[in-house]
């Protein structure tokens, strides 16, 4: 801390005893704040006068409203709102995909049976028909159920879809007629009930789509008249046989 030094020299009158005494200069030292002292002429007076101006080095900072706003409240970036919208859209899309997937896998053979036409009605309404021979224990049948359901929903106004359960002894004659040895067995019938071909087992979905599309268009033949993939043996039905003459499944 800087120090200002003031030196005084005083002469005092003689004491009552008539002895002149001169005081020696003495040093007065005072510690003051680190300020700068300068002399400045006062412009109002014609004579030079000195004015003591004290500058302590501090600068008064007055923040403008804009500065305060910047210092204490940053404006929200527009990118943040965009990111929020993108995140919401992504969540909605993921949820929709999840639900659609669950719905696809939620389709069962029972659902297909419930929406299928009775076999006798399908043969008499003048439409081409797809007959699926299946069983509840058939793993491939269960696996293909969602695809079959989608195709049925797409063509149900032009093509009949029939489900026949090989465990039901009611369909023994049809099993022999169509030569069912493995399931799922899809038989494709024209408008008169004549078989144009069949597809057995697990095959690309496109096989079913192209055959059903040919039936709906009234074509004389189907593109896949005989195709066999992985299937379950129909011989297992002997263990699971049931007798339900009232059921079309």
C-alpha atoms as a PDB file:
ATOM      1  CA  UNK A   1       0.000   0.000   0.000  1.00  0.00           C
ATOM      2  CA  UNK A   2       1.480   3.379  -1.050  1.00  0.00           C
ATOM      3  CA  UNK A   3       2.210   6.035   1.571  1.00  0.00           C
ATOM      4  CA  UNK A   4       1.973   9.854   1.292  1.00  0.00           C
ATOM      5  CA  UNK A   5       4.701  11.789   3.050  1.00  0.00           C
ATOM      6  CA  UNK A   6       4.076  15.321   4.390  1.00  0.00           C
ATOM      7  CA  UNK A   7       6.948  17.374   5.857  1.00  0.00           C
ATOM      8  CA  UNK A   8       6.209  20.326   8.145  1.00  0.00           C
ATOM      9  CA  UNK A   9       8.693  22.965   9.373  1.00  0.00           C
ATOM     10  CA  UNK A  10       7.322  25.200  12.107  1.00  0.00           C
ATOM     11  CA  UNK A  11       8.761  28.336  13.781  1.00  0.00           C
ATOM     12  CA  UNK A  12       7.134  29.403  16.981  1.00  0.00           C
ATOM     13  CA  UNK A  13       7.574  32.618  18.971  1.00  0.00           C
ATOM     14  CA  UNK A  14       9.893  32.635  21.903  1.00  0.00           C
ATOM     15  CA  UNK A  15       8.711  31.382  25.156  1.00  0.00           C
ATOM     16  CA  UNK A  16       7.966  33.549  28.112  1.00  0.00           C
ATOM     17  CA  UNK A  17      11.549  33.165  29.104  1.00  0.00           C
ATOM     18  CA  UNK A  18      12.730  34.894  25.943  1.00  0.00           C
ATOM     19  CA  UNK A  19      14.495  31.963  24.513  1.00  0.00           C
ATOM     20  CA  UNK A  20      14.069  31.429  20.769  1.00  0.00           C
ATOM     21  CA  UNK A  21      13.425  27.882  19.924  1.00  0.00           C
ATOM     22  CA  UNK A  22      13.180  26.572  16.443  1.00  0.00           C
ATOM     23  CA  UNK A  23      11.437  23.309  15.975  1.00  0.00           C
ATOM     24  CA  UNK A  24      13.204  20.867  13.832  1.00  0.00           C
ATOM     25  CA  UNK A  25      11.385  19.568  10.843  1.00  0.00           C
ATOM     26  CA  UNK A  26       9.493  16.463  11.557  1.00  0.00           C
ATOM     27  CA  UNK A  27       8.144  13.821   9.286  1.00  0.00           C
ATOM     28  CA  UNK A  28       4.483  12.952   9.308  1.00  0.00           C
ATOM     29  CA  UNK A  29       3.749   9.776   7.531  1.00  0.00           C
ATOM     30  CA  UNK A  30       0.198   8.697   6.800  1.00  0.00           C
ATOM     31  CA  UNK A  31      -0.931   5.580   5.046  1.00  0.00           C
ATOM     32  CA  UNK A  32      -3.743   6.156   2.612  1.00  0.00           C
ATOM     33  CA  UNK A  33      -5.589   4.107   0.069  1.00  0.00           C
ATOM     34  CA  UNK A  34      -3.875   3.434  -3.260  1.00  0.00           C
ATOM     35  CA  UNK A  35      -5.333   6.484  -4.973  1.00  0.00           C
ATOM     36  CA  UNK A  36      -3.916   8.788  -7.551  1.00  0.00           C
ATOM     37  CA  UNK A  37      -3.849  12.473  -6.703  1.00  0.00           C
ATOM     38  CA  UNK A  38      -3.586  15.021  -9.474  1.00  0.00           C
ATOM     39  CA  UNK A  39      -4.134  18.738  -9.781  1.00  0.00           C
ATOM     40  CA  UNK A  40      -6.653  20.058 -12.253  1.00  0.00           C
ATOM     41  CA  UNK A  41      -7.346  23.641 -13.174  1.00  0.00           C
ATOM     42  CA  UNK A  42     -10.893  24.809 -12.637  1.00  0.00           C
ATOM     43  CA  UNK A  43     -12.232  26.216 -15.913  1.00  0.00           C
ATOM     44  CA  UNK A  44     -14.769  28.540 -14.282  1.00  0.00           C
ATOM     45  CA  UNK A  45     -12.086  30.768 -12.705  1.00  0.00           C
ATOM     46  CA  UNK A  46      -9.857  33.156 -14.643  1.00  0.00           C
ATOM     47  CA  UNK A  47      -7.066  32.589 -12.217  1.00  0.00           C
ATOM     48  CA  UNK A  48      -5.409  29.231 -12.147  1.00  0.00           C
ATOM     49  CA  UNK A  49      -6.753  27.268  -9.302  1.00  0.00           C
ATOM     50  CA  UNK A  50      -5.914  23.806  -8.400  1.00  0.00           C
ATOM     51  CA  UNK A  51      -8.583  21.279  -7.660  1.00  0.00           C
ATOM     52  CA  UNK A  52      -7.850  18.067  -5.918  1.00  0.00           C
ATOM     53  CA  UNK A  53      -9.250  15.123  -7.828  1.00  0.00           C
ATOM     54  CA  UNK A  54      -9.080  11.705  -6.318  1.00  0.00           C
ATOM     55  CA  UNK A  55      -9.168   8.718  -8.670  1.00  0.00           C
ATOM     56  CA  UNK A  56      -9.194   5.445  -6.816  1.00  0.00           C
ATOM     57  CA  UNK A  57      -8.878   3.405 -10.001  1.00  0.00           C
ATOM     58  CA  UNK A  58     -12.317   1.911  -9.813  1.00  0.00           C
ATOM     59  CA  UNK A  59     -14.667   2.160 -12.752  1.00  0.00           C
ATOM     60  CA  UNK A  60     -18.393   2.256 -12.249  1.00  0.00           C
ATOM     61  CA  UNK A  61     -19.954  -0.363 -14.445  1.00  0.00           C
ATOM     62  CA  UNK A  62     -23.580   0.036 -15.155  1.00  0.00           C
ATOM     63  CA  UNK A  63     -24.941  -2.905 -17.036  1.00  0.00           C
ATOM     64  CA  UNK A  64     -27.485  -2.166 -19.665  1.00  0.00           C
ATOM     65  CA  UNK A  65     -30.712  -4.134 -19.631  1.00  0.00           C
ATOM     66  CA  UNK A  66     -29.446  -6.106 -22.627  1.00  0.00           C
ATOM     67  CA  UNK A  67     -26.215  -6.959 -20.799  1.00  0.00           C
ATOM     68  CA  UNK A  68     -28.081  -8.086 -17.701  1.00  0.00           C
ATOM     69  CA  UNK A  69     -30.280 -10.220 -19.776  1.00  0.00           C
ATOM     70  CA  UNK A  70     -27.283 -11.809 -21.415  1.00  0.00           C
ATOM     71  CA  UNK A  71     -25.481 -12.306 -18.074  1.00  0.00           C
ATOM     72  CA  UNK A  72     -28.328 -13.775 -16.096  1.00  0.00           C
ATOM     73  CA  UNK A  73     -30.846 -15.064 -18.628  1.00  0.00           C
ATOM     74  CA  UNK A  74     -29.528 -16.626 -21.827  1.00  0.00           C
ATOM     75  CA  UNK A  75     -32.201 -16.751 -24.531  1.00  0.00           C
ATOM     76  CA  UNK A  76     -33.308 -20.267 -25.315  1.00  0.00           C
ATOM     77  CA  UNK A  77     -31.781 -21.632 -28.476  1.00  0.00           C
ATOM     78  CA  UNK A  78     -34.296 -22.529 -31.221  1.00  0.00           C
ATOM     79  CA  UNK A  79     -32.373 -25.789 -31.785  1.00  0.00           C
ATOM     80  CA  UNK A  80     -33.539 -27.020 -28.411  1.00  0.00           C
ATOM     81  CA  UNK A  81     -37.197 -26.849 -29.499  1.00  0.00           C
ATOM     82  CA  UNK A  82     -36.380 -28.657 -32.751  1.00  0.00           C
ATOM     83  CA  UNK A  83     -34.550 -31.405 -30.873  1.00  0.00           C
ATOM     84  CA  UNK A  84     -37.488 -31.811 -28.538  1.00  0.00           C
ATOM     85  CA  UNK A  85     -39.889 -32.260 -31.457  1.00  0.00           C
ATOM     86  CA  UNK A  86     -37.592 -34.770 -33.128  1.00  0.00           C
ATOM     87  CA  UNK A  87     -37.362 -36.761 -29.884  1.00  0.00           C
ATOM     88  CA  UNK A  88     -41.157 -36.853 -29.498  1.00  0.00           C
ATOM     89  CA  UNK A  89     -41.615 -37.950 -33.114  1.00  0.00           C
ATOM     90  CA  UNK A  90     -39.046 -40.721 -32.659  1.00  0.00           C
ATOM     91  CA  UNK A  91     -40.799 -42.022 -29.557  1.00  0.00           C
ATOM     92  CA  UNK A  92     -44.179 -42.042 -31.329  1.00  0.00           C
ATOM     93  CA  UNK A  93     -42.724 -43.860 -34.356  1.00  0.00           C
ATOM     94  CA  UNK A  94     -41.018 -46.459 -32.155  1.00  0.00           C
ATOM     95  CA  UNK A  95     -44.241 -47.022 -30.207  1.00  0.00           C
ATOM     96  CA  UNK A  96     -46.248 -47.446 -33.426  1.00  0.00           C
ATOM     97  CA  UNK A  97     -43.723 -49.961 -34.761  1.00  0.00           C
ATOM     98  CA  UNK A  98     -43.762 -51.861 -31.477  1.00  0.00           C
ATOM     99  CA  UNK A  99     -47.557 -52.037 -31.416  1.00  0.00           C
ATOM    100  CA  UNK A 100     -47.797 -53.127 -35.047  1.00  0.00           C
ATOM    101  CA  UNK A 101     -45.237 -55.864 -34.413  1.00  0.00           C
ATOM    102  CA  UNK A 102     -47.094 -57.079 -31.353  1.00  0.00           C
ATOM    103  CA  UNK A 103     -50.355 -57.104 -33.291  1.00  0.00           C
ATOM    104  CA  UNK A 104     -48.773 -59.183 -36.066  1.00  0.00           C
ATOM    105  CA  UNK A 105     -47.406 -61.759 -33.654  1.00  0.00           C
ATOM    106  CA  UNK A 106     -50.666 -61.663 -31.716  1.00  0.00           C
ATOM    107  CA  UNK A 107     -52.580 -63.263 -34.626  1.00  0.00           C
ATOM    108  CA  UNK A 108     -53.307 -66.900 -33.797  1.00  0.00           C
ATOM    109  CA  UNK A 109     -54.772 -69.867 -35.625  1.00  0.00           C
ATOM    110  CA  UNK A 110     -57.922 -69.362 -33.591  1.00  0.00           C
ATOM    111  CA  UNK A 111     -58.251 -65.865 -35.080  1.00  0.00           C
ATOM    112  CA  UNK A 112     -57.905 -67.260 -38.594  1.00  0.00           C
ATOM    113  CA  UNK A 113     -60.499 -69.947 -37.876  1.00  0.00           C
ATOM    114  CA  UNK A 114     -62.939 -67.386 -36.500  1.00  0.00           C
ATOM    115  CA  UNK A 115     -62.741 -65.251 -39.661  1.00  0.00           C
ATOM    116  CA  UNK A 116     -62.788 -68.177 -42.120  1.00  0.00           C
ATOM    117  CA  UNK A 117     -65.837 -69.210 -44.148  1.00  0.00           C
ATOM    118  CA  UNK A 118     -67.445 -72.645 -43.737  1.00  0.00           C
ATOM    119  CA  UNK A 119     -66.187 -75.005 -46.417  1.00  0.00           C
ATOM    120  CA  UNK A 120     -69.630 -75.706 -47.894  1.00  0.00           C
ATOM    121  CA  UNK A 121     -70.447 -72.009 -48.191  1.00  0.00           C
ATOM    122  CA  UNK A 122     -67.145 -71.274 -49.921  1.00  0.00           C
ATOM    123  CA  UNK A 123     -67.829 -73.902 -52.589  1.00  0.00           C
ATOM    124  CA  UNK A 124     -71.251 -72.430 -53.406  1.00  0.00           C
ATOM    125  CA  UNK A 125     -70.749 -68.644 -53.558  1.00  0.00           C
ATOM    126  CA  UNK A 126     -68.994 -68.521 -56.951  1.00  0.00           C
ATOM    127  CA  UNK A 127     -65.656 -67.166 -55.672  1.00  0.00           C
ATOM    128  CA  UNK A 128     -62.227 -68.820 -55.865  1.00  0.00           C
ATOM    129  CA  UNK A 129     -61.106 -70.368 -52.582  1.00  0.00           C
ATOM    130  CA  UNK A 130     -57.972 -70.960 -50.549  1.00  0.00           C
ATOM    131  CA  UNK A 131     -58.255 -73.948 -48.206  1.00  0.00           C
ATOM    132  CA  UNK A 132     -55.685 -74.278 -45.430  1.00  0.00           C
ATOM    133  CA  UNK A 133     -55.298 -77.607 -43.664  1.00  0.00           C
ATOM    134  CA  UNK A 134     -53.782 -76.960 -40.243  1.00  0.00           C
ATOM    135  CA  UNK A 135     -53.485 -78.167 -36.641  1.00  0.00           C
ATOM    136  CA  UNK A 136     -53.162 -76.283 -33.362  1.00  0.00           C
ATOM    137  CA  UNK A 137     -49.963 -78.192 -32.525  1.00  0.00           C
ATOM    138  CA  UNK A 138     -48.342 -77.352 -35.878  1.00  0.00           C
ATOM    139  CA  UNK A 139     -45.448 -74.984 -35.272  1.00  0.00           C
ATOM    140  CA  UNK A 140     -45.153 -73.886 -38.912  1.00  0.00           C
ATOM    141  CA  UNK A 141     -48.908 -73.214 -39.030  1.00  0.00           C
ATOM    142  CA  UNK A 142     -48.648 -70.899 -36.040  1.00  0.00           C
ATOM    143  CA  UNK A 143     -45.608 -69.177 -37.514  1.00  0.00           C
ATOM    144  CA  UNK A 144     -47.355 -68.405 -40.819  1.00  0.00           C
ATOM    145  CA  UNK A 145     -50.612 -67.224 -39.210  1.00  0.00           C
ATOM    146  CA  UNK A 146     -49.757 -63.471 -39.293  1.00  0.00           C
ATOM    147  CA  UNK A 147     -48.863 -63.592 -43.001  1.00  0.00           C
ATOM    148  CA  UNK A 148     -51.969 -65.585 -43.883  1.00  0.00           C
ATOM    149  CA  UNK A 149     -54.100 -63.098 -41.941  1.00  0.00           C
ATOM    150  CA  UNK A 150     -52.657 -60.131 -43.845  1.00  0.00           C
ATOM    151  CA  UNK A 151     -53.275 -61.804 -47.202  1.00  0.00           C
ATOM    152  CA  UNK A 152     -56.809 -62.718 -46.158  1.00  0.00           C
ATOM    153  CA  UNK A 153     -57.570 -59.127 -45.159  1.00  0.00           C
ATOM    154  CA  UNK A 154     -56.255 -57.893 -48.500  1.00  0.00           C
ATOM    155  CA  UNK A 155     -58.241 -60.305 -50.716  1.00  0.00           C
ATOM    156  CA  UNK A 156     -61.252 -61.310 -48.599  1.00  0.00           C
ATOM    157  CA  UNK A 157     -63.703 -59.485 -50.890  1.00  0.00           C
ATOM    158  CA  UNK A 158     -62.591 -61.518 -53.928  1.00  0.00           C
ATOM    159  CA  UNK A 159     -61.349 -64.826 -52.496  1.00  0.00           C
ATOM    160  CA  UNK A 160     -62.763 -67.224 -49.894  1.00  0.00           C
ATOM    161  CA  UNK A 161     -60.483 -68.380 -47.079  1.00  0.00           C
ATOM    162  CA  UNK A 162     -61.289 -71.706 -45.382  1.00  0.00           C
ATOM    163  CA  UNK A 163     -59.558 -73.338 -42.402  1.00  0.00           C
ATOM    164  CA  UNK A 164     -59.824 -77.126 -41.947  1.00  0.00           C
ATOM    165  CA  UNK A 165     -58.367 -78.729 -38.818  1.00  0.00           C
ATOM    166  CA  UNK A 166     -56.738 -82.067 -39.654  1.00  0.00           C
ATOM    167  CA  UNK A 167     -57.429 -83.270 -36.089  1.00  0.00           C
ATOM    168  CA  UNK A 168     -61.141 -83.153 -36.822  1.00  0.00           C
ATOM    169  CA  UNK A 169     -62.305 -86.519 -38.186  1.00  0.00           C
ATOM    170  CA  UNK A 170     -65.005 -84.670 -40.083  1.00  0.00           C
ATOM    171  CA  UNK A 171     -62.461 -83.858 -42.800  1.00  0.00           C
ATOM    172  CA  UNK A 172     -61.103 -87.340 -43.467  1.00  0.00           C
ATOM    173  CA  UNK A 173     -62.559 -87.337 -46.979  1.00  0.00           C
ATOM    174  CA  UNK A 174     -61.065 -83.930 -47.812  1.00  0.00           C
ATOM    175  CA  UNK A 175     -57.679 -85.020 -46.496  1.00  0.00           C
ATOM    176  CA  UNK A 176     -57.691 -87.941 -48.905  1.00  0.00           C
ATOM    177  CA  UNK A 177     -59.128 -85.882 -51.768  1.00  0.00           C
ATOM    178  CA  UNK A 178     -56.422 -83.228 -51.582  1.00  0.00           C
ATOM    179  CA  UNK A 179     -53.645 -85.666 -50.679  1.00  0.00           C
ATOM    180  CA  UNK A 180     -52.669 -83.896 -47.438  1.00  0.00           C
ATOM    181  CA  UNK A 181     -49.469 -85.380 -46.031  1.00  0.00           C
ATOM    182  CA  UNK A 182     -47.882 -82.314 -44.464  1.00  0.00           C
ATOM    183  CA  UNK A 183     -49.233 -79.134 -42.923  1.00  0.00           C
ATOM    184  CA  UNK A 184     -49.821 -76.342 -43.414  1.00  0.00           C
ATOM    185  CA  UNK A 185     -51.282 -77.401 -46.754  1.00  0.00           C
ATOM    186  CA  UNK A 186     -52.767 -74.620 -48.913  1.00  0.00           C
ATOM    187  CA  UNK A 187     -55.077 -75.757 -51.732  1.00  0.00           C
ATOM    188  CA  UNK A 188     -56.055 -73.172 -54.381  1.00  0.00           C
ATOM    189  CA  UNK A 189     -59.490 -73.728 -55.950  1.00  0.00           C
ATOM    190  CA  UNK A 190     -61.035 -71.913 -58.898  1.00  0.00           C
ATOM    191  CA  UNK A 191     -64.610 -70.585 -58.973  1.00  0.00           C
ATOM    192  CA  UNK A 192     -65.960 -74.056 -59.742  1.00  0.00           C
ATOM    193  CA  UNK A 193     -64.108 -75.657 -56.827  1.00  0.00           C
ATOM    194  CA  UNK A 194     -61.444 -77.361 -58.952  1.00  0.00           C
ATOM    195  CA  UNK A 195     -57.928 -77.438 -57.512  1.00  0.00           C
ATOM    196  CA  UNK A 196     -55.351 -75.497 -59.511  1.00  0.00           C
ATOM    197  CA  UNK A 197     -52.398 -76.312 -57.286  1.00  0.00           C
ATOM    198  CA  UNK A 198     -51.113 -76.398 -53.710  1.00  0.00           C
ATOM    199  CA  UNK A 199     -48.329 -75.081 -51.520  1.00  0.00           C
ATOM    200  CA  UNK A 200     -47.098 -77.050 -48.494  1.00  0.00           C
ATOM    201  CA  UNK A 201     -45.003 -75.941 -45.518  1.00  0.00           C
ATOM    202  CA  UNK A 202     -42.890 -72.871 -44.817  1.00  0.00           C
ATOM    203  CA  UNK A 203     -42.207 -70.959 -48.041  1.00  0.00           C
ATOM    204  CA  UNK A 204     -41.635 -67.287 -48.904  1.00  0.00           C
ATOM    205  CA  UNK A 205     -44.733 -65.176 -48.335  1.00  0.00           C
ATOM    206  CA  UNK A 206     -44.623 -64.142 -51.970  1.00  0.00           C
ATOM    207  CA  UNK A 207     -45.675 -67.654 -53.029  1.00  0.00           C
ATOM    208  CA  UNK A 208     -49.013 -67.240 -51.283  1.00  0.00           C
ATOM    209  CA  UNK A 209     -49.483 -63.651 -52.426  1.00  0.00           C
ATOM    210  CA  UNK A 210     -48.878 -64.458 -56.105  1.00  0.00           C
ATOM    211  CA  UNK A 211     -51.158 -67.506 -56.059  1.00  0.00           C
ATOM    212  CA  UNK A 212     -54.001 -65.656 -54.327  1.00  0.00           C
ATOM    213  CA  UNK A 213     -53.589 -62.696 -56.671  1.00  0.00           C
ATOM    214  CA  UNK A 214     -53.903 -65.053 -59.674  1.00  0.00           C
ATOM    215  CA  UNK A 215     -57.129 -66.510 -58.231  1.00  0.00           C
ATOM    216  CA  UNK A 216     -58.570 -63.040 -57.608  1.00  0.00           C
ATOM    217  CA  UNK A 217     -57.757 -61.995 -61.195  1.00  0.00           C
ATOM    218  CA  UNK A 218     -59.501 -65.085 -62.603  1.00  0.00           C
ATOM    219  CA  UNK A 219     -56.395 -66.471 -64.311  1.00  0.00           C
ATOM    220  CA  UNK A 220     -56.439 -69.993 -65.707  1.00  0.00           C
ATOM    221  CA  UNK A 221     -53.431 -71.081 -63.647  1.00  0.00           C
ATOM    222  CA  UNK A 222     -51.388 -70.056 -60.613  1.00  0.00           C
ATOM    223  CA  UNK A 223     -47.637 -69.320 -60.708  1.00  0.00           C
ATOM    224  CA  UNK A 224     -46.781 -71.822 -57.931  1.00  0.00           C
ATOM    225  CA  UNK A 225     -48.867 -74.917 -58.629  1.00  0.00           C
ATOM    226  CA  UNK A 226     -46.709 -77.256 -56.592  1.00  0.00           C
ATOM    227  CA  UNK A 227     -44.230 -76.066 -53.954  1.00  0.00           C
ATOM    228  CA  UNK A 228     -43.083 -77.773 -50.766  1.00  0.00           C
ATOM    229  CA  UNK A 229     -41.151 -76.291 -47.871  1.00  0.00           C
ATOM    230  CA  UNK A 230     -40.565 -77.304 -44.253  1.00  0.00           C
ATOM    231  CA  UNK A 231     -43.771 -78.768 -42.785  1.00  0.00           C
ATOM    232  CA  UNK A 232     -45.224 -80.838 -39.969  1.00  0.00           C
ATOM    233  CA  UNK A 233     -46.276 -84.389 -40.795  1.00  0.00           C
ATOM    234  CA  UNK A 234     -50.012 -84.905 -40.964  1.00  0.00           C
ATOM    235  CA  UNK A 235     -49.506 -88.393 -39.495  1.00  0.00           C
ATOM    236  CA  UNK A 236     -49.321 -86.809 -36.042  1.00  0.00           C
ATOM    237  CA  UNK A 237     -53.028 -86.050 -36.288  1.00  0.00           C
ATOM    238  CA  UNK A 238     -53.808 -89.638 -35.299  1.00  0.00           C
ATOM    239  CA  UNK A 239     -52.721 -88.769 -31.773  1.00  0.00           C
ATOM    240  CA  UNK A 240     -54.731 -85.544 -31.619  1.00  0.00           C
ATOM    241  CA  UNK A 241     -57.956 -86.587 -33.329  1.00  0.00           C
ATOM    242  CA  UNK A 242     -61.207 -85.022 -32.199  1.00  0.00           C
ATOM    243  CA  UNK A 243     -64.739 -85.514 -33.424  1.00  0.00           C
ATOM    244  CA  UNK A 244     -66.735 -82.319 -33.884  1.00  0.00           C
ATOM    245  CA  UNK A 245     -69.133 -82.593 -36.807  1.00  0.00           C
ATOM    246  CA  UNK A 246     -70.557 -79.110 -36.089  1.00  0.00           C
ATOM    247  CA  UNK A 247     -67.205 -77.408 -36.498  1.00  0.00           C
ATOM    248  CA  UNK A 248     -65.894 -76.170 -39.849  1.00  0.00           C
ATOM    249  CA  UNK A 249     -62.392 -75.976 -38.383  1.00  0.00           C
END
